[in-house]
Amino acid sequence: MVFIYILQLQNGKYYVGKTTNPSFRLEQHFNAESSNWTKKYKPITLIDIIPNCDEHDEDKYTIQFMERYGINNTRGGSFCEIKLSDSNISTLNQTIRGVTNKCYICGRRDHFANDCKKFIEEKKPITNEKCNCPSSLLFPHRKKKCALNKLIPVFDDETDNIDKLILHNMKNEVTQVVIQIVIKDETPQIKNNRSCYRCGRHGHYISNCYASTHINGKFLK
């Protein structure tokens, strides 16, 4: 006959095991001659011993106690290692959430995985949209090619670009974003409209005039 036994251990830990000889197996645990888990956390008392079990009941009771007291606090059956692997922990979480009607994603009872808000996010379409960073005022460009966005990805909302940039610089003093604005001097140049009194041509004065004819064709002395 197969028996399932459940031990309460030190530090809030538990152990679930199976045996065909309960008295001998329990003595091994209390003498630190059995599982590494009960060697690390010494048994305090026998919580329960269940007769007429099958080979699968050990995992069943182990998972029940993991659900009640925590995966990190319970060992037994297929999960008897002191440090469980990530894949084992993932399997246990999924199993516990499945049998207790909890969401597979977050573990809450008020919804199922397809309604879980934790992973329901509005995915922004990948478009070749116009960039709204400060430098785009002078040098229009697309967001995916913006050097500032690659350095500081904060320019997603044109209404608060400057505020985010200032806040980022306040929190990260090492990061300095300097935008150099080069403004072309478009001041109209004043042209020399005076003409030479001797030849009537523009571009020089009479003191520098060497023309032999007037602008109207007359010969000059």
Protein backbone atom coordinates (compact mmCIF):
# COMPACT_ATOMS: atom_id res chain seq x y z
CA MET A 1 0.00 0.00 0.00
CA VAL A 2 1.23 3.48 -0.90
CA PHE A 3 1.04 6.18 1.78
CA ILE A 4 1.36 9.93 1.25
CA TYR A 5 2.79 11.80 4.24
CA ILE A 6 3.07 15.53 4.84
CA LEU A 7 5.68 17.06 7.16
CA GLN A 8 5.80 20.52 8.65
CA LEU A 9 9.38 21.79 8.75
CA GLN A 10 11.29 24.67 10.27
CA ASN A 11 11.05 28.21 8.80
CA GLY A 12 7.54 27.68 7.46
CA LYS A 13 8.54 24.92 5.04
CA TYR A 14 6.68 21.72 4.09
CA TYR A 15 7.52 18.36 2.55
CA VAL A 16 5.27 15.84 0.80
CA GLY A 17 6.50 12.28 0.29
CA LYS A 18 5.28 8.78 -0.42
CA THR A 19 6.25 5.44 1.08
CA THR A 20 5.10 1.87 1.65
CA ASN A 21 6.71 1.87 5.12
CA PRO A 22 5.66 5.06 6.94
CA SER A 23 7.41 4.46 10.25
CA PHE A 24 10.77 3.73 8.65
CA ARG A 25 10.57 6.60 6.15
CA LEU A 26 9.53 9.17 8.74
CA GLU A 27 12.35 8.10 11.03
CA GLN A 28 14.79 8.77 8.18
CA HIS A 29 13.48 12.31 7.77
CA PHE A 30 13.67 13.11 11.48
CA ASN A 31 17.22 11.72 11.59
CA ALA A 32 18.29 13.85 8.58
CA GLU A 33 18.92 10.71 6.52
CA SER A 34 16.52 11.39 3.66
CA SER A 35 15.69 14.28 1.35
CA ASN A 36 17.96 17.34 1.03
CA TRP A 37 14.95 19.54 1.76
CA THR A 38 14.33 17.93 5.15
CA LYS A 39 18.06 18.01 5.86
CA LYS A 40 18.11 21.77 5.28
CA TYR A 41 14.81 22.41 7.12
CA LYS A 42 14.39 19.96 9.99
CA PRO A 43 10.97 18.30 10.47
CA ILE A 44 8.81 19.61 13.32
CA THR A 45 5.76 17.40 13.09
CA LEU A 46 3.80 15.01 10.90
CA ILE A 47 0.76 16.89 9.57
CA ASP A 48 -1.01 14.03 7.82
CA ILE A 49 -0.56 10.52 6.49
CA ILE A 50 -2.92 9.32 3.75
CA PRO A 51 -3.32 5.60 2.90
CA ASN A 52 -4.44 3.88 -0.29
CA CYS A 53 -2.79 6.38 -2.63
CA ASP A 54 -1.44 5.89 -6.13
CA GLU A 55 1.81 6.99 -7.76
CA HIS A 56 0.35 10.33 -8.93
CA ASP A 57 -0.98 11.49 -5.57
CA GLU A 58 2.43 12.66 -4.37
CA ASP A 59 2.55 15.40 -7.03
CA LYS A 60 -1.12 16.20 -6.43
CA TYR A 61 -0.64 16.89 -2.71
CA THR A 62 2.65 18.68 -3.35
CA ILE A 63 0.93 21.12 -5.71
CA GLN A 64 -1.94 21.58 -3.24
CA PHE A 65 0.48 22.60 -0.50
CA MET A 66 2.44 24.80 -2.91
CA GLU A 67 -0.80 26.60 -3.75
CA ARG A 68 -1.57 27.01 -0.04
CA TYR A 69 1.87 27.89 1.35
CA GLY A 70 3.86 28.91 -1.70
CA ILE A 71 6.08 27.21 -4.26
CA ASN A 72 9.22 28.38 -2.46
CA ASN A 73 8.04 26.83 0.80
CA THR A 74 7.05 23.34 -0.35
CA ARG A 75 8.88 20.40 -1.89
CA GLY A 76 7.87 16.88 -2.81
CA GLY A 77 7.14 14.46 -5.63
CA SER A 78 8.62 15.61 -8.95
CA PHE A 79 9.62 18.91 -7.36
CA CYS A 80 11.99 17.88 -4.58
CA GLU A 81 15.12 19.87 -5.50
CA ILE A 82 16.11 22.67 -3.13
CA LYS A 83 16.40 25.11 -6.04
CA LEU A 84 13.75 24.57 -8.69
CA SER A 85 14.48 25.39 -12.32
CA ASP A 86 12.72 28.26 -14.07
CA SER A 87 10.83 25.77 -16.24
CA ASN A 88 9.60 23.89 -13.15
CA ILE A 89 8.43 27.11 -11.51
CA SER A 90 6.64 28.15 -14.71
CA THR A 91 4.95 24.74 -14.97
CA LEU A 92 3.86 24.88 -11.33
CA ASN A 93 2.45 28.40 -11.67
CA GLN A 94 0.46 27.41 -14.74
CA THR A 95 -0.82 24.23 -13.06
CA ILE A 96 -1.83 25.98 -9.83
CA ARG A 97 -3.58 28.78 -11.70
CA GLY A 98 -5.37 26.27 -13.92
CA VAL A 99 -6.79 24.08 -11.15
CA THR A 100 -7.81 27.11 -9.06
CA ASN A 101 -9.47 29.00 -11.96
CA LYS A 102 -7.00 31.85 -11.84
CA CYS A 103 -5.70 33.93 -14.73
CA TYR A 104 -2.71 32.17 -16.31
CA ILE A 105 -0.94 35.53 -16.75
CA CYS A 106 -1.31 37.46 -13.49
CA GLY A 107 -2.79 34.85 -11.11
CA ARG A 108 -5.94 36.78 -10.15
CA ARG A 109 -9.35 35.11 -9.86
CA ASP A 110 -11.58 37.86 -11.31
CA HIS A 111 -10.79 37.21 -14.97
CA PHE A 112 -9.18 34.78 -17.41
CA ALA A 113 -6.04 35.18 -19.50
CA ASN A 114 -7.82 36.49 -22.60
CA ASP A 115 -9.17 39.40 -20.52
CA CYS A 116 -5.99 40.12 -18.55
CA LYS A 117 -5.17 43.83 -18.60
CA LYS A 118 -1.54 43.18 -17.74
CA PHE A 119 -0.72 42.25 -21.30
CA ILE A 120 -3.49 44.04 -23.20
CA GLU A 121 -1.63 46.99 -24.66
CA GLU A 122 -2.46 49.15 -27.61
CA LYS A 123 0.21 48.48 -30.15
CA LYS A 124 1.24 51.56 -32.01
CA PRO A 125 1.41 51.03 -35.77
CA ILE A 126 4.84 51.33 -37.28
CA THR A 127 4.57 54.31 -39.59
CA ASN A 128 6.95 56.68 -41.23
CA GLU A 129 5.52 59.54 -39.20
CA LYS A 130 6.87 63.05 -38.93
CA CYS A 131 9.13 63.70 -35.96
CA ASN A 132 8.12 66.38 -33.46
CA CYS A 133 11.43 66.82 -31.63
CA PRO A 134 12.77 70.39 -31.15
CA SER A 135 15.27 70.10 -33.99
CA SER A 136 12.48 69.28 -36.46
CA LEU A 137 11.41 72.93 -36.36
CA LEU A 138 14.52 73.80 -38.35
CA PHE A 139 15.34 70.48 -39.96
CA PRO A 140 12.14 68.50 -40.74
CA HIS A 141 12.68 64.73 -40.69
CA ARG A 142 10.99 61.41 -39.93
CA LYS A 143 10.83 60.02 -36.39
CA LYS A 144 12.60 56.75 -37.21
CA LYS A 145 15.62 58.70 -38.49
CA CYS A 146 15.77 61.18 -35.60
CA ALA A 147 19.10 61.18 -33.78
CA LEU A 148 17.52 62.72 -30.67
CA ASN A 149 14.89 59.98 -30.46
CA LYS A 150 17.61 57.34 -30.60
CA LEU A 151 19.51 59.09 -27.82
CA ILE A 152 16.50 59.95 -25.66
CA PRO A 153 13.25 58.21 -26.70
CA VAL A 154 10.91 60.74 -25.09
CA PHE A 155 9.47 62.59 -28.05
CA ASP A 156 6.25 60.61 -28.52
CA ASP A 157 3.81 63.39 -27.81
CA GLU A 158 4.20 66.73 -29.51
CA THR A 159 2.43 68.49 -26.63
CA ASP A 160 5.06 67.73 -24.03
CA ASN A 161 8.30 67.24 -25.96
CA ILE A 162 10.14 70.16 -24.37
CA ASP A 163 8.88 69.35 -20.86
CA LYS A 164 10.07 65.77 -21.19
CA LEU A 165 13.45 66.86 -22.47
CA ILE A 166 13.90 69.27 -19.56
CA LEU A 167 12.77 66.65 -17.05
CA HIS A 168 15.10 64.08 -18.57
CA ASN A 169 18.06 66.44 -18.28
CA MET A 170 17.18 67.26 -14.67
CA LYS A 171 17.12 63.55 -13.77
CA ASN A 172 20.15 62.65 -15.82
CA GLU A 173 22.73 65.39 -15.42
CA VAL A 174 25.26 63.44 -17.44
CA THR A 175 23.03 63.50 -20.53
CA GLN A 176 23.24 66.81 -22.31
CA VAL A 177 21.38 67.41 -25.52
CA VAL A 178 22.56 70.52 -27.29
CA ILE A 179 20.62 71.73 -30.27
CA GLN A 180 22.61 74.14 -32.35
CA ILE A 181 20.44 76.49 -34.36
CA VAL A 182 22.10 78.13 -37.31
CA ILE A 183 20.12 81.08 -38.60
CA LYS A 184 21.03 82.39 -42.01
CA ASP A 185 21.52 86.14 -42.14
CA GLU A 186 18.80 87.27 -44.49
CA THR A 187 19.29 90.99 -43.91
CA PRO A 188 19.07 92.63 -47.33
CA GLN A 189 22.35 94.06 -48.50
CA ILE A 190 22.40 97.78 -49.32
CA LYS A 191 23.54 98.15 -52.89
CA ASN A 192 25.55 101.11 -54.16
CA ASN A 193 23.07 102.91 -56.41
CA ARG A 194 25.24 106.00 -57.02
CA SER A 195 26.47 106.58 -60.56
CA CYS A 196 29.54 108.30 -61.89
CA TYR A 197 28.86 111.95 -62.80
CA ARG A 198 31.39 111.77 -65.66
CA CYS A 199 30.21 108.65 -67.55
CA GLY A 200 26.87 107.95 -65.94
CA ARG A 201 27.78 104.35 -65.13
CA HIS A 202 27.30 102.62 -61.79
CA GLY A 203 29.99 101.06 -59.66
CA HIS A 204 32.53 103.85 -59.35
CA TYR A 205 32.93 107.55 -58.74
CA ILE A 206 34.30 110.30 -60.97
CA SER A 207 37.69 110.16 -59.25
CA ASN A 208 38.09 106.59 -60.49
CA CYS A 209 36.49 107.00 -63.90
CA TYR A 210 38.61 105.99 -66.91
CA ALA A 211 35.76 105.67 -69.42
CA SER A 212 36.25 107.17 -72.90
CA THR A 213 32.53 107.35 -73.70
CA HIS A 214 29.42 108.39 -71.78
CA ILE A 215 26.66 105.89 -71.12
CA ASN A 216 24.67 107.66 -73.86
CA GLY A 217 27.45 107.14 -76.42
CA LYS A 218 29.17 110.53 -76.42
CA PHE A 219 32.94 110.61 -76.39
CA LEU A 220 34.57 112.01 -73.28
CA LYS A 221 37.69 114.12 -73.09
